[in-house]
């Protein structure tokens, strides 16, 4: 019975590895092996909009182009004018600003790259066989682009008229003129400003200025609203992110990082808004507040509209999401501005963060912004693991060696607990011949066999479940570290030694999986042989089955497992030797 329990634990552990492997395949651009392929959120109403509960009909959607419809949506003629495309280059960005609304329509991150071919054993074999090998294309990560609905992702701003029957104000569909000035951050220059100005619309002129700073993924966006009419006006300013709704497929354990809008307020805290819930109009939005931010989250990277300038806490903001149709979704903050007297100007400073999910930097930008980094179901373990990894990296300067050091510290913390478990397993191995002889003698009397087995365990002071405890402990830690490697952009393209150039990607030469398999088989040899022949064979087969999955696991995770195996083998070896069971002939 106890051997069956141990086997069940191994099966559960193996199933967890299968699920994690499948999701890692999805996030590395491959088709999942065991689960459906990536899917898009299905709109409940392809021509409608989803409003926040409690919002008035007039506020159900912001001005939108394309297939989005709703109240207060500006319309344009068939011959829509095309805005000027302004290309901006800094040390961290390659951006395109669209003269239509001054929209940030394309954004590439120059410090992060995507590549199509890492090279390795498979590519080498293909070359030897004379088969064509696709070239390795290295290009900057594209975070935003205004292409087809399948890839569209933009940052928009504009003005709303809260009066339904009133005139429209400049919005993200309004053509704006780019002011002359530099478009590239020159050497020795720390800031670059690019300004857009609209013609008066509804009595208001809208001036939007992007301020890029060297080495900073937070773009300052200054909004100036000028009342050029003869009447006081009462506009609202909206800050909006629009993104396609394609997300990676999930599993029953939810092993995929979140993709979609997110909202934060001091009252409701961090709140994820799934595309599917928006499409079904089942989202629950925070109440209007004088604090908070909105974001669009995806794997490794995030964009967020923030209000950090002094005095911004006096601006009441309303949070909205919308299903724009055609697999496009938006999340926005709508700010109530003071009434503008004729000739008056109102200035609002905002920040648009668009970059990597680096936890410490996000913490410094806004309360709760670091929560966009998704640690999954074991966040309570993943967060301290990442903190410890980060501290070790500060000392060692290499993420690979930091993972090794982390395992050493974990093994040290659980040393005595594991020692008792390994001692129990060593005793099990020592009494295994006696158990096998008893099973053969009483094979036709199962009830008496069970009683006799429990008597042997009791007399020998052996806990048959003692060896299972290390497995139980390792499962959540293993999954938590998987989430750390999956969600931490620092691991992306982080090298270790020699042939390992990316700890978040599989070993291209399959060396680490082979080493992991060898250590797992050796550890199986050290363990007591289950009395049941079928279970004994299964104990040898499972490490081989796991090795197939580990081929596709990130190198950092395989490193963790190898280090853990080596330390476990060392500890178990000395315990077995001390108890005199090392080298004992294994029963057949």
Protein backbone atom coordinates (compact mmCIF):
# COMPACT_ATOMS: atom_id res chain seq x y z
CA UNK A 1 0.00 0.00 0.00
CA UNK A 2 2.77 2.41 0.91
CA UNK A 3 4.61 1.64 -2.32
CA UNK A 4 1.42 2.44 -4.20
CA UNK A 5 1.19 5.79 -2.43
CA UNK A 6 4.75 6.60 -3.39
CA UNK A 7 3.98 5.66 -6.98
CA UNK A 8 0.88 7.86 -6.97
CA UNK A 9 3.01 10.79 -5.80
CA UNK A 10 5.42 10.20 -8.66
CA UNK A 11 2.54 10.06 -11.13
CA UNK A 12 1.12 13.35 -9.82
CA UNK A 13 4.56 14.89 -10.05
CA UNK A 14 4.99 13.61 -13.57
CA UNK A 15 1.59 14.93 -14.61
CA UNK A 16 2.55 18.35 -13.27
CA UNK A 17 5.70 18.27 -15.39
CA UNK A 18 3.64 17.39 -18.46
CA UNK A 19 1.39 20.40 -17.91
CA UNK A 20 4.32 22.74 -17.32
CA UNK A 21 6.11 21.45 -20.39
CA UNK A 22 3.03 22.04 -22.51
CA UNK A 23 2.67 25.63 -21.37
CA UNK A 24 6.37 26.32 -21.84
CA UNK A 25 5.95 25.16 -25.44
CA UNK A 26 3.09 27.65 -25.88
CA UNK A 27 5.10 30.54 -24.51
CA UNK A 28 8.05 29.78 -26.73
CA UNK A 29 5.91 29.99 -29.85
CA UNK A 30 5.41 26.24 -30.35
CA UNK A 31 2.15 24.36 -30.55
CA UNK A 32 1.15 22.68 -27.27
CA UNK A 33 1.59 18.93 -27.32
CA UNK A 34 -1.25 17.88 -25.04
CA UNK A 35 -3.65 20.86 -25.09
CA UNK A 36 -5.52 22.95 -27.67
CA UNK A 37 -3.63 25.62 -29.57
CA UNK A 38 -3.73 29.31 -28.75
CA UNK A 39 -7.15 30.88 -28.95
CA UNK A 40 -8.68 34.30 -29.12
CA UNK A 41 -11.26 35.71 -26.82
CA UNK A 42 -14.65 35.43 -28.49
CA UNK A 43 -16.60 38.63 -28.54
CA UNK A 44 -20.11 38.42 -27.20
CA UNK A 45 -21.08 41.22 -29.54
CA UNK A 46 -18.69 41.87 -32.37
CA UNK A 47 -20.17 45.28 -33.05
CA UNK A 48 -20.80 46.42 -29.51
CA UNK A 49 -18.86 47.62 -26.52
CA UNK A 50 -18.61 46.40 -22.97
CA UNK A 51 -19.00 49.11 -20.42
CA UNK A 52 -18.11 49.09 -16.79
CA UNK A 53 -21.05 48.14 -14.62
CA UNK A 54 -22.88 51.21 -13.52
CA UNK A 55 -21.53 53.40 -16.30
CA UNK A 56 -24.01 55.48 -18.21
CA UNK A 57 -24.86 54.64 -21.80
CA UNK A 58 -23.13 57.77 -23.00
CA UNK A 59 -19.90 56.65 -21.39
CA UNK A 60 -20.00 53.07 -22.57
CA UNK A 61 -17.24 53.50 -25.12
CA UNK A 62 -14.47 55.94 -25.89
CA UNK A 63 -14.06 57.35 -29.38
CA UNK A 64 -12.94 54.48 -31.52
CA UNK A 65 -12.16 53.67 -35.10
CA UNK A 66 -12.71 50.54 -37.11
CA UNK A 67 -15.52 48.22 -36.13
CA UNK A 68 -16.17 49.68 -32.69
CA UNK A 69 -19.52 51.32 -32.27
CA UNK A 70 -21.34 52.82 -29.36
CA UNK A 71 -22.64 56.09 -28.13
CA UNK A 72 -20.60 59.23 -28.74
CA UNK A 73 -18.38 57.61 -31.36
CA UNK A 74 -17.02 60.03 -33.93
CA UNK A 75 -17.61 59.12 -37.54
CA UNK A 76 -15.45 59.98 -40.49
CA UNK A 77 -16.08 60.07 -44.21
CA UNK A 78 -14.93 57.38 -46.55
CA UNK A 79 -11.88 59.41 -47.58
CA UNK A 80 -10.24 59.49 -44.15
CA UNK A 81 -7.12 61.64 -44.03
CA UNK A 82 -3.92 59.84 -43.05
CA UNK A 83 -1.83 61.38 -40.31
CA UNK A 84 1.89 61.97 -40.54
CA UNK A 85 4.02 59.10 -39.22
CA UNK A 86 6.79 60.39 -37.00
CA UNK A 87 9.64 57.97 -36.30
CA UNK A 88 11.44 58.44 -32.98
CA UNK A 89 14.64 56.73 -31.90
CA UNK A 90 16.17 56.61 -28.41
CA UNK A 91 18.60 54.29 -26.67
CA UNK A 92 15.74 52.01 -25.55
CA UNK A 93 12.93 52.68 -28.07
CA UNK A 94 12.22 52.70 -31.76
CA UNK A 95 8.80 54.32 -31.92
CA UNK A 96 6.27 55.56 -34.45
CA UNK A 97 3.88 58.35 -33.47
CA UNK A 98 0.83 58.71 -35.67
CA UNK A 99 -0.45 62.17 -36.59
CA UNK A 100 -3.94 60.76 -36.24
CA UNK A 101 -4.51 61.62 -32.59
CA UNK A 102 -0.79 61.63 -31.79
CA UNK A 103 -1.17 57.90 -31.10
CA UNK A 104 1.80 55.73 -30.16
CA UNK A 105 1.24 53.22 -32.95
CA UNK A 106 4.48 51.24 -32.94
CA UNK A 107 7.05 50.55 -30.26
CA UNK A 108 10.13 48.37 -30.39
CA UNK A 109 12.35 47.66 -27.40
CA UNK A 110 15.96 47.95 -28.49
CA UNK A 111 17.43 46.25 -25.41
CA UNK A 112 15.41 43.07 -25.96
CA UNK A 113 15.54 40.82 -28.99
CA UNK A 114 13.65 37.91 -30.50
CA UNK A 115 15.48 35.27 -32.49
CA UNK A 116 14.16 32.42 -34.59
CA UNK A 117 17.03 29.95 -34.38
CA UNK A 118 19.28 29.38 -31.37
CA UNK A 119 21.44 26.79 -33.10
CA UNK A 120 22.32 23.49 -31.50
CA UNK A 121 22.25 19.75 -32.03
CA UNK A 122 19.20 19.57 -34.28
CA UNK A 123 20.47 22.29 -36.59
CA UNK A 124 23.89 20.65 -36.76
CA UNK A 125 22.37 17.30 -37.69
CA UNK A 126 20.29 18.97 -40.40
CA UNK A 127 23.39 20.59 -41.86
CA UNK A 128 25.27 17.26 -41.82
CA UNK A 129 22.36 15.64 -43.64
CA UNK A 130 22.41 18.44 -46.19
CA UNK A 131 19.00 19.75 -45.23
CA UNK A 132 18.30 23.51 -45.26
CA UNK A 133 18.47 25.27 -41.90
CA UNK A 134 16.48 28.49 -41.47
CA UNK A 135 18.73 31.47 -40.78
CA UNK A 136 18.77 32.94 -37.31
CA UNK A 137 16.83 36.19 -37.49
CA UNK A 138 17.53 38.55 -34.62
CA UNK A 139 15.28 41.57 -34.26
CA UNK A 140 14.10 43.93 -31.56
CA UNK A 141 11.05 42.95 -29.54
CA UNK A 142 7.94 44.64 -30.95
CA UNK A 143 5.65 45.59 -28.09
CA UNK A 144 3.15 47.75 -30.00
CA UNK A 145 2.12 47.91 -33.63
CA UNK A 146 -0.84 49.30 -35.52
CA UNK A 147 -1.30 46.49 -38.00
CA UNK A 148 -4.11 44.04 -38.50
CA UNK A 149 -6.59 43.35 -35.69
CA UNK A 150 -4.67 40.16 -34.98
CA UNK A 151 -1.59 42.16 -33.92
CA UNK A 152 -2.91 45.65 -33.14
CA UNK A 153 -1.67 47.20 -29.90
CA UNK A 154 -1.59 51.00 -29.47
CA UNK A 155 -1.68 53.73 -26.80
CA UNK A 156 -4.24 56.48 -27.37
CA UNK A 157 -5.39 59.66 -25.66
CA UNK A 158 -7.99 62.32 -26.34
CA UNK A 159 -10.78 64.49 -24.97
CA UNK A 160 -14.42 63.62 -24.29
CA UNK A 161 -17.44 65.88 -23.97
CA UNK A 162 -19.55 64.57 -21.08
CA UNK A 163 -22.56 66.34 -22.59
CA UNK A 164 -24.23 63.92 -25.01
CA UNK A 165 -25.63 66.64 -27.22
CA UNK A 166 -22.52 68.78 -27.13
CA UNK A 167 -19.84 69.16 -29.74
CA UNK A 168 -17.03 66.68 -30.00
CA UNK A 169 -13.58 67.55 -28.73
CA UNK A 170 -10.17 66.47 -30.15
CA UNK A 171 -9.67 62.73 -29.71
CA UNK A 172 -7.45 59.95 -31.04
CA UNK A 173 -9.12 60.20 -34.46
CA UNK A 174 -8.35 63.89 -34.82
CA UNK A 175 -5.54 64.81 -37.19
CA UNK A 176 -2.70 66.54 -35.37
CA UNK A 177 0.37 68.32 -36.67
CA UNK A 178 3.80 67.36 -35.41
CA UNK A 179 5.87 70.34 -34.36
CA UNK A 180 9.34 70.58 -35.85
CA UNK A 181 12.27 69.33 -33.81
CA UNK A 182 14.72 66.45 -33.39
CA UNK A 183 13.45 62.89 -33.71
CA UNK A 184 16.48 61.03 -32.43
CA UNK A 185 18.08 61.08 -29.00
CA UNK A 186 21.59 62.25 -29.78
CA UNK A 187 24.74 61.30 -27.89
CA UNK A 188 25.05 63.40 -24.76
CA UNK A 189 21.34 64.26 -24.86
CA UNK A 190 19.19 62.98 -21.98
CA UNK A 191 15.71 63.99 -23.14
CA UNK A 192 13.84 64.14 -26.43
CA UNK A 193 10.52 65.93 -26.88
CA UNK A 194 8.05 65.35 -29.69
CA UNK A 195 4.89 67.48 -29.68
CA UNK A 196 1.61 67.23 -31.62
CA UNK A 197 -0.99 69.99 -31.90
CA UNK A 198 -4.56 69.79 -33.13
CA UNK A 199 -6.71 72.40 -34.77
CA UNK A 200 -9.57 73.67 -32.58
CA UNK A 201 -12.40 71.15 -32.38
CA UNK A 202 -15.51 72.05 -30.41
CA UNK A 203 -13.73 75.10 -29.05
CA UNK A 204 -10.72 73.18 -27.69
CA UNK A 205 -7.16 72.84 -28.93
CA UNK A 206 -5.24 69.76 -27.77
CA UNK A 207 -1.45 69.70 -27.52
CA UNK A 208 0.26 66.42 -26.65
CA UNK A 209 3.98 66.25 -25.91
CA UNK A 210 5.97 63.01 -25.57
CA UNK A 211 9.11 63.31 -23.45
CA UNK A 212 11.54 60.42 -23.87
CA UNK A 213 14.40 60.08 -21.39
CA UNK A 214 17.65 58.19 -21.78
CA UNK A 215 17.56 54.69 -20.31
CA UNK A 216 13.95 55.08 -19.17
CA UNK A 217 10.99 52.94 -20.26
CA UNK A 218 8.60 55.44 -18.72
CA UNK A 219 7.56 58.06 -21.28
CA UNK A 220 6.26 61.32 -19.90
CA UNK A 221 3.19 62.49 -21.82
CA UNK A 222 2.10 66.09 -21.24
CA UNK A 223 -1.45 67.07 -22.19
CA UNK A 224 -2.34 70.74 -22.72
CA UNK A 225 -5.99 71.62 -23.31
CA UNK A 226 -6.62 75.18 -24.48
CA UNK A 227 -10.10 76.74 -24.56
CA UNK A 228 -10.15 78.93 -27.68
CA UNK A 229 -13.91 79.50 -27.55
CA UNK A 230 -15.90 82.25 -25.92
CA UNK A 231 -17.63 79.90 -23.48
CA UNK A 232 -16.47 77.85 -20.48
CA UNK A 233 -16.04 74.20 -21.38
CA UNK A 234 -15.98 71.04 -19.28
CA UNK A 235 -13.84 68.34 -21.04
CA UNK A 236 -12.63 64.95 -19.87
CA UNK A 237 -9.23 63.48 -20.71
CA UNK A 238 -8.92 59.76 -21.43
CA UNK A 239 -5.78 57.62 -21.43
CA UNK A 240 -6.38 54.38 -23.29
CA UNK A 241 -4.64 51.16 -24.32
CA UNK A 242 -6.05 49.04 -27.15
CA UNK A 243 -4.83 45.50 -27.75
CA UNK A 244 -5.83 42.40 -29.67
CA UNK A 245 -7.41 39.69 -27.56
CA UNK A 246 -5.26 36.74 -28.55
CA UNK A 247 -4.12 34.85 -25.47
CA UNK A 248 -2.32 31.58 -24.84
CA UNK A 249 -4.51 28.61 -23.99
CA UNK A 250 -4.64 27.68 -20.33
CA UNK A 251 -4.72 24.44 -18.37
CA UNK A 252 -6.73 23.16 -15.48
CA UNK A 253 -3.93 24.37 -13.19
CA UNK A 254 -3.76 27.79 -14.84
CA UNK A 255 -0.08 27.45 -15.76
CA UNK A 256 0.11 30.46 -18.07
CA UNK A 257 0.98 34.04 -17.25
CA UNK A 258 -1.90 36.48 -17.48
CA UNK A 259 -2.52 38.40 -20.68
CA UNK A 260 -5.03 41.23 -20.73
CA UNK A 261 -6.05 44.50 -19.05
CA UNK A 262 -5.41 45.20 -15.39
CA UNK A 263 -6.59 47.98 -13.10
CA UNK A 264 -5.36 49.13 -9.70
CA UNK A 265 -6.88 51.37 -7.05
CA UNK A 266 -6.02 51.76 -3.38
CA UNK A 267 -9.46 50.44 -2.47
CA UNK A 268 -9.79 47.43 -4.80
CA UNK A 269 -6.06 46.79 -5.24
CA UNK A 270 -4.78 44.85 -8.25
CA UNK A 271 -7.56 43.55 -10.47
CA UNK A 272 -7.15 41.47 -13.65
CA UNK A 273 -9.75 41.78 -16.41
CA UNK A 274 -9.83 38.75 -18.69
CA UNK A 275 -10.67 39.33 -22.34
CA UNK A 276 -13.34 36.64 -22.15
CA UNK A 277 -15.04 38.36 -19.20
CA UNK A 278 -15.00 41.68 -21.05
CA UNK A 279 -16.56 40.05 -24.10
CA UNK A 280 -19.29 38.53 -21.90
CA UNK A 281 -19.76 41.84 -20.04
CA UNK A 282 -18.99 40.16 -16.73
CA UNK A 283 -16.21 42.44 -15.56
CA UNK A 284 -16.46 44.29 -12.28
CA UNK A 285 -14.69 47.64 -12.49
CA UNK A 286 -13.38 49.63 -9.52
CA UNK A 287 -15.38 52.63 -8.41
CA UNK A 288 -14.16 56.07 -9.54
CA UNK A 289 -11.23 57.19 -7.41
CA UNK A 290 -8.55 59.85 -7.09
CA UNK A 291 -5.80 57.21 -7.45
CA UNK A 292 -4.94 54.17 -9.53
CA UNK A 293 -3.70 53.16 -12.96
CA UNK A 294 -4.58 50.99 -15.94
CA UNK A 295 -2.33 48.53 -17.75
CA UNK A 296 -2.17 45.98 -20.54
CA UNK A 297 -0.24 42.91 -19.43
CA UNK A 298 1.48 40.19 -21.45
CA UNK A 299 4.34 37.75 -21.05
CA UNK A 300 7.52 39.56 -19.92
CA UNK A 301 6.29 43.08 -20.87
CA UNK A 302 3.61 45.57 -19.84
CA UNK A 303 2.28 48.99 -20.78
CA UNK A 304 0.55 51.20 -18.22
CA UNK A 305 -0.90 54.70 -17.96
CA UNK A 306 0.22 56.29 -14.68
CA UNK A 307 -0.44 59.61 -12.98
CA UNK A 308 2.56 60.37 -10.79
CA UNK A 309 2.89 64.16 -11.08
CA UNK A 310 2.27 66.30 -7.96
CA UNK A 311 -1.39 67.22 -7.72
CA UNK A 312 -2.59 64.25 -9.76
CA UNK A 313 -4.33 62.89 -6.67
CA UNK A 314 -6.85 65.71 -7.11
CA UNK A 315 -7.99 64.32 -10.45
CA UNK A 316 -10.95 62.01 -10.16
CA UNK A 317 -10.59 59.12 -12.58
CA UNK A 318 -13.07 56.60 -13.91
CA UNK A 319 -11.97 53.18 -15.14
CA UNK A 320 -13.46 51.65 -18.28
CA UNK A 321 -13.00 48.61 -20.47
CA UNK A 322 -14.61 47.90 -23.82
CA UNK A 323 -14.99 45.12 -26.35
CA UNK A 324 -14.32 47.02 -29.57
CA UNK A 325 -15.18 44.07 -31.80
CA UNK A 326 -12.92 42.30 -34.28
CA UNK A 327 -10.93 40.82 -31.37
CA UNK A 328 -9.88 44.25 -30.06
CA UNK A 329 -10.23 45.35 -26.44
CA UNK A 330 -9.51 48.59 -24.60
CA UNK A 331 -8.85 49.69 -21.05
CA UNK A 332 -8.86 53.36 -20.11
CA UNK A 333 -8.80 55.99 -17.39
CA UNK A 334 -11.14 58.94 -17.88
CA UNK A 335 -10.14 62.05 -15.93
CA UNK A 336 -12.55 64.79 -14.90
CA UNK A 337 -10.84 68.12 -15.62
CA UNK A 338 -11.69 71.49 -14.04
CA UNK A 339 -14.04 73.69 -16.05
CA UNK A 340 -12.01 75.70 -18.55
CA UNK A 341 -12.77 79.42 -18.83
CA UNK A 342 -12.40 81.10 -22.26
CA UNK A 343 -8.69 81.44 -23.05
CA UNK A 344 -7.64 79.18 -20.15
CA UNK A 345 -5.22 76.25 -20.41
CA UNK A 346 -5.25 73.04 -18.36
CA UNK A 347 -2.10 70.88 -18.21
CA UNK A 348 -2.05 67.26 -17.12
CA UNK A 349 1.17 65.27 -16.78
CA UNK A 350 0.98 61.52 -17.20
CA UNK A 351 3.42 58.66 -17.67
CA UNK A 352 3.21 55.84 -20.16
CA UNK A 353 5.34 52.92 -19.05
CA UNK A 354 6.05 50.47 -21.85
CA UNK A 355 8.74 47.93 -21.17
CA UNK A 356 9.94 44.89 -19.24
CA UNK A 357 8.34 43.61 -16.05
CA UNK A 358 11.32 44.28 -13.81
CA UNK A 359 9.85 43.97 -10.34
CA UNK A 360 11.97 46.48 -8.42
CA UNK A 361 11.63 49.18 -11.06
CA UNK A 362 7.87 48.68 -11.28
CA UNK A 363 7.56 48.99 -7.50
CA UNK A 364 9.20 52.41 -7.67
CA UNK A 365 6.86 53.70 -10.37
CA UNK A 366 3.43 53.20 -8.81
CA UNK A 367 1.80 51.30 -5.94
CA UNK A 368 1.01 47.74 -6.95
CA UNK A 369 2.51 47.99 -10.44
CA UNK A 370 4.90 45.12 -9.66
CA UNK A 371 1.85 42.84 -9.42
CA UNK A 372 1.59 42.72 -13.22
CA UNK A 373 4.37 40.15 -13.01
CA UNK A 374 2.37 36.95 -12.77
CA UNK A 375 3.78 34.32 -10.39
CA UNK A 376 0.84 31.96 -10.79
CA UNK A 377 -0.78 29.75 -8.19
CA UNK A 378 2.34 29.45 -6.03
CA UNK A 379 3.06 33.19 -5.82
CA UNK A 380 3.54 32.90 -2.07
CA UNK A 381 6.59 30.72 -2.80
CA UNK A 382 7.65 32.27 -6.11
CA UNK A 383 8.04 35.82 -4.78
CA UNK A 384 10.51 34.92 -2.00
CA UNK A 385 12.32 32.59 -4.41
CA UNK A 386 12.76 35.45 -6.86
CA UNK A 387 13.87 37.77 -4.05
CA UNK A 388 16.48 35.25 -2.95
CA UNK A 389 17.57 34.66 -6.54
CA UNK A 390 17.92 38.40 -7.05
CA UNK A 391 20.07 38.73 -3.93
CA UNK A 392 22.29 35.87 -5.04
CA UNK A 393 22.58 37.43 -8.50
CA UNK A 394 23.74 40.66 -6.88
CA UNK A 395 26.60 38.68 -5.33
CA UNK A 396 27.43 36.20 -8.10
CA UNK A 397 26.55 38.29 -11.15
CA UNK A 398 25.25 35.27 -13.09
CA UNK A 399 21.69 33.96 -13.04
CA UNK A 400 22.80 30.39 -13.73
CA UNK A 401 25.13 30.21 -10.74
CA UNK A 402 22.46 32.00 -8.71
CA UNK A 403 20.07 29.10 -9.42
CA UNK A 404 22.74 26.63 -8.29
CA UNK A 405 23.34 28.64 -5.12
CA UNK A 406 19.60 28.81 -4.49
CA UNK A 407 19.31 25.02 -4.55
CA UNK A 408 22.25 24.71 -2.16
CA UNK A 409 20.53 27.08 0.29
CA UNK A 410 17.22 25.21 -0.02
CA UNK A 411 18.92 21.87 0.58
CA UNK A 412 20.69 23.32 3.60
CA UNK A 413 17.40 24.63 4.99
CA UNK A 414 15.77 21.20 4.67
CA UNK A 415 18.89 19.21 5.54
CA UNK A 416 17.68 17.55 8.72
CA UNK A 417 14.22 16.91 7.33
CA UNK A 418 15.68 15.27 4.25
CA UNK A 419 18.20 13.37 6.38
CA UNK A 420 15.39 11.68 8.28
CA UNK A 421 13.61 10.85 5.05
CA UNK A 422 16.75 9.41 3.44
CA UNK A 423 17.53 7.44 6.61
CA UNK A 424 14.04 5.94 6.40
CA UNK A 425 14.65 5.01 2.77
CA UNK A 426 18.02 3.48 3.66
CA UNK A 427 16.38 1.33 6.33
CA UNK A 428 13.74 0.32 3.82
CA UNK A 429 16.52 -0.81 1.52
CA UNK A 430 18.17 -2.77 4.35
CA UNK A 431 15.02 -4.71 5.22
CA UNK A 432 13.99 -5.17 1.61
CA UNK A 433 15.28 -8.80 1.39
CA UNK A 434 13.20 -9.72 4.46
CA UNK A 435 10.11 -8.07 2.96
CA UNK A 436 10.59 -9.82 -0.38
CA UNK A 437 10.98 -13.21 1.32
CA UNK A 438 7.82 -12.59 3.34
CA UNK A 439 5.83 -11.55 0.26
CA UNK A 440 6.86 -14.72 -1.53
CA UNK A 441 5.96 -16.85 1.47
CA UNK A 442 2.54 -15.26 2.01
CA UNK A 443 1.63 -14.39 -1.58
CA UNK A 444 -1.61 -16.36 -1.32
CA UNK A 445 -2.62 -14.72 1.97
CA UNK A 446 -2.84 -10.95 1.24
CA UNK A 447 -4.38 -9.96 4.58
CA UNK A 448 -1.79 -11.88 6.59
CA UNK A 449 0.93 -10.47 4.28
CA UNK A 450 -0.15 -6.93 5.07
CA UNK A 451 -0.16 -7.60 8.81
CA UNK A 452 3.26 -9.22 8.67
CA UNK A 453 4.65 -6.32 6.62
CA UNK A 454 3.40 -3.79 9.18
CA UNK A 455 4.95 -5.90 11.94
CA UNK A 456 8.32 -5.83 10.19
CA UNK A 457 8.10 -2.06 9.74
CA UNK A 458 7.17 -1.63 13.39
CA UNK A 459 9.96 -3.85 14.71
CA UNK A 460 12.56 -2.27 12.46
CA UNK A 461 11.25 1.23 13.30
CA UNK A 462 10.81 2.11 9.64
CA UNK A 463 8.31 4.63 8.29
CA UNK A 464 7.45 3.49 4.76
CA UNK A 465 6.08 6.94 3.91
CA UNK A 466 9.17 8.75 5.17
CA UNK A 467 10.86 8.71 1.77
CA UNK A 468 7.87 10.39 0.13
CA UNK A 469 8.17 13.61 2.06
CA UNK A 470 11.05 15.10 0.02
CA UNK A 471 8.98 14.52 -3.13
CA UNK A 472 5.99 16.32 -1.64
CA UNK A 473 8.19 19.25 -0.57
CA UNK A 474 9.86 19.54 -3.97
CA UNK A 475 6.68 19.68 -6.07
CA UNK A 476 5.52 23.21 -5.04
CA UNK A 477 9.10 24.52 -5.00
CA UNK A 478 9.71 23.08 -8.45
CA UNK A 479 6.50 24.64 -9.83
CA UNK A 480 7.21 27.95 -8.06
CA UNK A 481 10.69 28.14 -9.60
CA UNK A 482 9.15 27.32 -12.97
CA UNK A 483 6.94 30.39 -12.57
CA UNK A 484 9.94 32.51 -11.59
CA UNK A 485 11.77 31.44 -14.75
CA UNK A 486 8.62 31.82 -16.83
CA UNK A 487 7.68 35.31 -15.65
CA UNK A 488 11.07 36.92 -14.94
CA UNK A 489 12.27 38.93 -17.91
CA UNK A 490 15.74 38.94 -16.33
CA UNK A 491 16.08 35.27 -17.23
CA UNK A 492 15.27 35.98 -20.86
CA UNK A 493 18.49 35.43 -22.86
CA UNK A 494 20.47 35.26 -19.59
CA UNK A 495 23.62 33.15 -20.17
CA UNK A 496 25.21 30.62 -17.84
CA UNK A 497 28.39 28.98 -19.14
CA UNK A 498 29.60 27.58 -22.44
CA UNK A 499 26.74 26.55 -24.67
CA UNK A 500 23.93 27.86 -22.40
CA UNK A 501 23.13 31.34 -23.70
CA UNK A 502 19.51 31.55 -22.54
CA UNK A 503 18.34 30.12 -19.21
CA UNK A 504 14.69 30.61 -20.20
CA UNK A 505 15.09 28.41 -23.32
CA UNK A 506 15.79 24.66 -23.64
CA UNK A 507 19.37 23.43 -23.84
CA UNK A 508 20.08 23.45 -27.60
CA UNK A 509 22.55 20.58 -27.29
CA UNK A 510 20.44 18.49 -24.83
CA UNK A 511 23.44 18.05 -22.53
CA UNK A 512 21.67 19.16 -19.36
CA UNK A 513 18.67 16.82 -19.90
CA UNK A 514 21.06 13.88 -20.39
CA UNK A 515 22.91 14.74 -17.16
CA UNK A 516 19.60 15.14 -15.37
CA UNK A 517 18.46 11.71 -16.56
CA UNK A 518 21.72 10.11 -15.41
CA UNK A 519 21.46 11.64 -11.94
CA UNK A 520 17.81 10.62 -11.66
CA UNK A 521 18.61 7.01 -12.58
CA UNK A 522 21.46 6.91 -10.08
CA UNK A 523 19.18 8.28 -7.39
CA UNK A 524 16.65 5.57 -8.23
CA UNK A 525 19.40 2.97 -7.74
CA UNK A 526 20.06 4.35 -4.25
CA UNK A 527 16.38 4.09 -3.29
CA UNK A 528 14.85 0.87 -1.94
CA UNK A 529 13.36 -1.39 -4.57
CA UNK A 530 9.55 -1.62 -4.32
CA UNK A 531 8.42 -5.16 -3.47
CA UNK A 532 6.05 -5.24 -6.41
CA UNK A 533 7.94 -6.00 -9.68
CA UNK A 534 5.68 -3.74 -11.74
CA UNK A 535 6.26 -0.81 -9.39
CA UNK A 536 9.99 -1.52 -9.47
CA UNK A 537 9.99 -1.28 -13.26
CA UNK A 538 7.91 1.90 -13.10
CA UNK A 539 10.45 3.51 -10.78
CA UNK A 540 13.08 3.02 -13.50
CA UNK A 541 10.85 4.02 -16.39
CA UNK A 542 9.66 7.31 -14.89
CA UNK A 543 13.09 9.06 -14.88
CA UNK A 544 13.43 8.13 -18.55
CA UNK A 545 9.95 9.48 -19.29
CA UNK A 546 10.72 12.70 -17.44
CA UNK A 547 13.93 13.10 -19.43
CA UNK A 548 11.89 13.45 -22.64
CA UNK A 549 9.93 16.34 -21.13
CA UNK A 550 13.05 17.96 -19.69
CA UNK A 551 14.47 18.21 -23.20
CA UNK A 552 11.97 21.00 -23.81
CA UNK A 553 12.14 22.60 -20.37
CA UNK A 554 14.12 25.81 -19.83
CA UNK A 555 17.78 25.23 -19.11
CA UNK A 556 17.52 27.08 -15.80
CA UNK A 557 14.89 24.67 -14.54
CA UNK A 558 16.91 21.62 -15.63
CA UNK A 559 19.92 23.12 -13.83
CA UNK A 560 17.83 23.39 -10.68
CA UNK A 561 16.85 19.73 -10.93
CA UNK A 562 20.39 18.52 -11.65
CA UNK A 563 21.80 20.43 -8.70
CA UNK A 564 19.04 19.14 -6.46
CA UNK A 565 19.70 15.57 -7.64
CA UNK A 566 23.45 15.80 -7.08
CA UNK A 567 23.04 17.16 -3.55
CA UNK A 568 20.35 14.58 -2.76
CA UNK A 569 22.56 11.76 -4.07
CA UNK A 570 25.49 12.98 -1.97
CA UNK A 571 23.39 13.16 1.18
CA UNK A 572 21.71 9.80 0.57
CA UNK A 573 25.03 8.15 -0.32
CA UNK A 574 26.59 9.06 3.03
CA UNK A 575 23.46 8.05 4.94
CA UNK A 576 23.34 4.68 3.19
CA UNK A 577 27.04 4.17 3.86
CA UNK A 578 26.65 5.09 7.53
CA UNK A 579 23.78 2.64 7.92
CA UNK A 580 25.70 -0.09 6.10
CA UNK A 581 23.32 -0.54 3.17
CA UNK A 582 25.52 0.91 0.44
CA UNK A 583 26.41 -1.75 -2.05
CA UNK A 584 23.88 -4.21 -0.64
CA UNK A 585 22.73 -6.63 -3.30
CA UNK A 586 19.36 -5.51 -4.62
CA UNK A 587 16.58 -8.03 -4.39
CA UNK A 588 15.00 -9.22 -7.59
